[in-house]
Amino acid sequence: MTKPAERSAARLAAVQALYQMDISGKTVVDALAEFETFWIGREVEGIAFQPSDNTFFRDILSGVVKNQRDIDVRIDNALATDWPLKRIEAVLRAILRGGGYELMFRKDVPARVVITEYVDVTHGFYGDDEPGLVNAVLDKVAREVRPGELEKKAAGQGGR
């Protein structure tokens, strides 16, 4: 498996672990142990879970937990005023937190890659308006925490 595919699998596993932590109250240590032991790279009930970049998985999961307050504030500010993060469904919350973490704290990963990857994860769970919501929220966060990065790429491609 290629490095980008392993990172994509790590993002998906992190979203699943964040969701599980959110609804069950598990700690980050418990979630890390469970996913690395029983899920990542294994087949469970006929479903194959892809091998992932475990270091990246751990970083996203622990980074979201460590910085959740800052991430949540940033995401709340990007959402509609009458629809705060606490009202967002748990899987979407996990997706937005994972993407928010990478945009805010993993400057080594290009913003466009982060947004595309988390929109792709969203497509795995939803088919309606949710991918557009994730795209819009993460785009707004990216423009706030990485001013000019999205515009640089577009300008270099003959865009505005």
Protein backbone atom coordinates (compact mmCIF):
# COMPACT_ATOMS: atom_id res chain seq x y z
CA MET A 1 0.00 0.00 0.00
CA THR A 2 1.28 3.46 -0.85
CA LYS A 3 1.97 6.12 1.75
CA PRO A 4 -1.00 8.32 0.66
CA ALA A 5 -3.34 5.30 0.87
CA GLU A 6 -2.02 4.48 4.36
CA ARG A 7 -2.63 8.07 5.42
CA SER A 8 -6.16 7.94 4.00
CA ALA A 9 -6.78 4.75 5.99
CA ALA A 10 -5.34 6.44 9.10
CA ARG A 11 -7.76 9.35 8.68
CA LEU A 12 -10.73 7.01 8.33
CA ALA A 13 -9.64 5.00 11.38
CA ALA A 14 -9.15 8.22 13.37
CA VAL A 15 -12.65 9.41 12.47
CA GLN A 16 -14.09 6.04 13.51
CA ALA A 17 -12.14 6.10 16.78
CA LEU A 18 -13.15 9.72 17.51
CA TYR A 19 -16.77 8.80 16.88
CA GLN A 20 -16.51 5.80 19.19
CA MET A 21 -14.87 7.92 21.90
CA ASP A 22 -17.58 10.56 21.54
CA ILE A 23 -20.50 8.16 21.95
CA SER A 24 -18.97 5.68 24.42
CA GLY A 25 -16.74 7.88 26.58
CA LYS A 26 -13.64 5.75 25.89
CA THR A 27 -10.28 7.35 26.53
CA VAL A 28 -7.74 8.01 23.80
CA VAL A 29 -5.53 5.25 25.23
CA ASP A 30 -8.39 2.73 25.05
CA ALA A 31 -9.33 3.77 21.51
CA LEU A 32 -5.72 3.59 20.28
CA ALA A 33 -5.25 0.14 21.77
CA GLU A 34 -8.54 -1.18 20.41
CA PHE A 35 -8.11 0.12 16.88
CA GLU A 36 -4.48 -0.91 16.55
CA THR A 37 -5.13 -4.37 18.01
CA PHE A 38 -8.50 -5.31 16.56
CA TRP A 39 -9.37 -3.10 13.58
CA ILE A 40 -6.56 -1.55 11.53
CA GLY A 41 -5.28 -3.95 8.89
CA ARG A 42 -7.68 -6.72 9.95
CA GLU A 43 -10.84 -8.29 8.61
CA VAL A 44 -13.77 -8.01 11.00
CA GLU A 45 -17.12 -9.64 10.21
CA GLY A 46 -16.23 -9.82 6.52
CA ILE A 47 -15.14 -6.17 6.29
CA ALA A 48 -11.48 -5.53 5.50
CA PHE A 49 -9.94 -2.60 7.36
CA GLN A 50 -6.99 -1.28 5.38
CA PRO A 51 -3.49 -1.07 6.85
CA SER A 52 -2.73 2.48 7.88
CA ASP A 53 0.08 4.77 8.86
CA ASN A 54 -0.26 4.07 12.59
CA THR A 55 1.98 6.97 13.60
CA PHE A 56 -0.27 9.34 11.66
CA PHE A 57 -3.39 7.68 13.14
CA ARG A 58 -2.03 8.16 16.67
CA ASP A 59 -1.10 11.77 15.94
CA ILE A 60 -4.57 12.67 14.65
CA LEU A 61 -6.38 10.92 17.49
CA SER A 62 -4.23 12.25 20.31
CA GLY A 63 -3.93 15.67 18.64
CA VAL A 64 -7.69 16.09 18.42
CA VAL A 65 -8.11 15.10 22.06
CA LYS A 66 -5.28 17.36 23.25
CA ASN A 67 -6.48 20.37 21.23
CA GLN A 68 -10.22 19.72 21.16
CA ARG A 69 -11.24 23.01 22.78
CA ASP A 70 -9.35 25.10 20.22
CA ILE A 71 -10.51 22.91 17.34
CA ASP A 72 -14.15 23.05 18.46
CA VAL A 73 -14.08 26.85 18.78
CA ARG A 74 -12.62 27.20 15.29
CA ILE A 75 -15.20 24.80 13.79
CA ASP A 76 -18.06 26.47 15.69
CA ASN A 77 -17.00 29.80 14.19
CA ALA A 78 -17.08 28.26 10.71
CA LEU A 79 -20.57 26.79 11.16
CA ALA A 80 -23.83 28.69 10.83
CA THR A 81 -24.63 30.67 13.97
CA ASP A 82 -27.78 28.71 14.71
CA TRP A 83 -26.09 25.33 14.16
CA PRO A 84 -23.20 24.88 16.64
CA LEU A 85 -20.88 21.87 16.61
CA LYS A 86 -22.67 20.27 19.57
CA ARG A 87 -25.80 19.96 17.36
CA ILE A 88 -23.88 18.23 14.56
CA GLU A 89 -24.26 14.44 14.31
CA ALA A 90 -21.39 12.50 15.97
CA VAL A 91 -19.77 11.11 12.78
CA LEU A 92 -19.74 14.58 11.18
CA ARG A 93 -18.32 16.02 14.40
CA ALA A 94 -15.49 13.46 14.27
CA ILE A 95 -14.78 14.26 10.61
CA LEU A 96 -14.71 18.01 11.24
CA ARG A 97 -12.48 17.61 14.30
CA GLY A 98 -10.00 15.42 12.40
CA GLY A 99 -9.86 17.87 9.51
CA GLY A 100 -9.69 20.83 11.87
CA TYR A 101 -6.78 19.28 13.72
CA GLU A 102 -4.79 18.71 10.56
CA LEU A 103 -5.46 22.21 9.25
CA MET A 104 -4.55 23.85 12.54
CA PHE A 105 -1.65 21.71 13.73
CA ARG A 106 -0.26 19.71 10.77
CA LYS A 107 1.06 22.47 8.54
CA ASP A 108 3.19 19.84 6.76
CA VAL A 109 0.01 18.52 5.10
CA PRO A 110 -1.30 20.87 2.36
CA ALA A 111 -4.71 22.37 3.14
CA ARG A 112 -6.16 21.13 -0.16
CA VAL A 113 -5.11 17.57 0.69
CA VAL A 114 -6.72 17.80 4.14
CA ILE A 115 -9.99 19.14 2.76
CA THR A 116 -10.15 16.58 -0.07
CA GLU A 117 -9.32 13.67 2.23
CA TYR A 118 -11.99 14.52 4.82
CA VAL A 119 -14.60 15.17 2.11
CA ASP A 120 -13.74 11.69 0.76
CA VAL A 121 -14.18 10.22 4.26
CA THR A 122 -17.56 11.98 4.46
CA HIS A 123 -18.65 10.38 1.18
CA GLY A 124 -18.03 7.01 2.83
CA PHE A 125 -20.71 7.75 5.43
CA TYR A 126 -23.11 10.14 3.69
CA GLY A 127 -24.46 10.80 0.24
CA ASP A 128 -26.43 14.01 0.54
CA ASP A 129 -25.41 17.48 1.71
CA GLU A 130 -22.84 16.43 4.30
CA PRO A 131 -19.78 16.31 1.98
CA GLY A 132 -20.56 19.89 0.90
CA LEU A 133 -20.88 20.96 4.53
CA VAL A 134 -17.51 19.40 5.41
CA ASN A 135 -15.92 21.06 2.36
CA ALA A 136 -17.33 24.49 3.26
CA VAL A 137 -16.43 24.32 6.96
CA LEU A 138 -12.88 23.02 6.41
CA ASP A 139 -12.33 25.56 3.60
CA LYS A 140 -13.33 28.36 5.98
CA VAL A 141 -11.06 27.00 8.73
CA ALA A 142 -8.17 26.67 6.25
CA ARG A 143 -8.56 30.28 5.11
CA GLU A 144 -8.44 31.43 8.74
CA VAL A 145 -5.53 29.33 10.01
CA ARG A 146 -3.48 29.25 6.79
CA PRO A 147 -4.12 32.62 5.16
CA GLY A 148 -3.17 32.70 1.49
CA GLU A 149 -2.37 28.98 1.13
CA LEU A 150 -5.46 28.08 -0.89
CA GLU A 151 -5.12 31.21 -3.03
CA LYS A 152 -1.44 30.52 -3.86
CA LYS A 153 -2.27 27.22 -5.53
CA ALA A 154 -5.17 28.68 -7.48
CA ALA A 155 -3.07 31.62 -8.69
CA GLY A 156 -0.35 29.25 -9.84
CA GLN A 157 -2.91 27.38 -11.93
CA GLY A 158 -4.10 30.44 -13.79
CA GLY A 159 -6.91 31.08 -11.32
CA ARG A 160 -7.62 34.33 -9.53
